[in-house]
């Protein structure tokens, strides 16, 4: 939920910068909004390490 609120804030800031004529800053904020919103779609990783990834074996 917080990711979508943050993405909305980035979008509103980008719209403000477009209105003021600063397209570079607006495009940077638009990219930030996309990345910030995408974090809401990606499931959080489990902190546990899989057993077969934790040991290196020389065979």
Protein backbone atom coordinates (compact mmCIF):
# COMPACT_ATOMS: atom_id res chain seq x y z
CA UNK A 1 0.00 0.00 0.00
CA UNK A 2 2.79 2.43 0.89
CA UNK A 3 4.50 1.73 -2.43
CA UNK A 4 1.45 2.93 -4.35
CA UNK A 5 1.19 6.08 -2.21
CA UNK A 6 4.87 6.80 -2.86
CA UNK A 7 4.42 6.17 -6.58
CA UNK A 8 1.46 8.57 -6.63
CA UNK A 9 3.60 11.20 -4.91
CA UNK A 10 6.33 10.76 -7.53
CA UNK A 11 3.75 11.06 -10.32
CA UNK A 12 2.30 14.25 -8.83
CA UNK A 13 5.78 15.71 -8.48
CA UNK A 14 6.55 14.78 -12.10
CA UNK A 15 3.35 16.48 -13.25
CA UNK A 16 4.37 19.58 -11.31
CA UNK A 17 7.78 19.66 -12.96
CA UNK A 18 6.18 19.24 -16.41
CA UNK A 19 3.93 22.17 -15.58
CA UNK A 20 6.97 24.28 -14.59
CA UNK A 21 8.81 23.28 -17.77
CA UNK A 22 11.58 21.11 -16.29
CA UNK A 23 11.24 18.00 -18.43
CA UNK A 24 14.49 16.35 -17.28
CA UNK A 25 13.46 16.35 -13.63
CA UNK A 26 9.96 15.24 -14.60
CA UNK A 27 11.29 12.27 -16.55
CA UNK A 28 13.55 11.26 -13.65
CA UNK A 29 10.59 11.40 -11.27
CA UNK A 30 8.49 9.38 -13.71
CA UNK A 31 11.15 6.65 -13.76
CA UNK A 32 11.26 6.73 -9.96
CA UNK A 33 7.47 6.36 -9.87
CA UNK A 34 7.62 3.31 -12.12
CA UNK A 35 10.34 1.65 -10.06
CA UNK A 36 8.68 2.55 -6.76
CA UNK A 37 5.32 1.17 -7.97
CA UNK A 38 6.96 -1.99 -9.30
CA UNK A 39 8.24 -2.79 -5.83
CA UNK A 40 4.63 -3.27 -4.77
CA UNK A 41 4.17 -5.91 -7.45
CA UNK A 42 7.27 -7.94 -6.62
CA UNK A 43 6.71 -10.37 -3.75
CA UNK A 44 9.09 -10.08 -0.84
CA UNK A 45 11.79 -12.75 -0.74
CA UNK A 46 11.83 -15.16 2.10
CA UNK A 47 14.82 -14.60 4.37
CA UNK A 48 15.63 -18.31 4.50
CA UNK A 49 18.35 -19.56 2.20
CA UNK A 50 17.61 -22.70 0.25
CA UNK A 51 19.60 -25.68 1.39
CA UNK A 52 21.19 -26.48 -1.97
CA UNK A 53 22.31 -22.85 -2.43
CA UNK A 54 24.03 -22.55 0.92
CA UNK A 55 26.78 -25.15 0.47
CA UNK A 56 29.47 -25.23 -2.15
CA UNK A 57 30.64 -28.73 -2.94
CA UNK A 58 33.69 -29.79 -4.86
CA UNK A 59 32.91 -33.01 -6.62
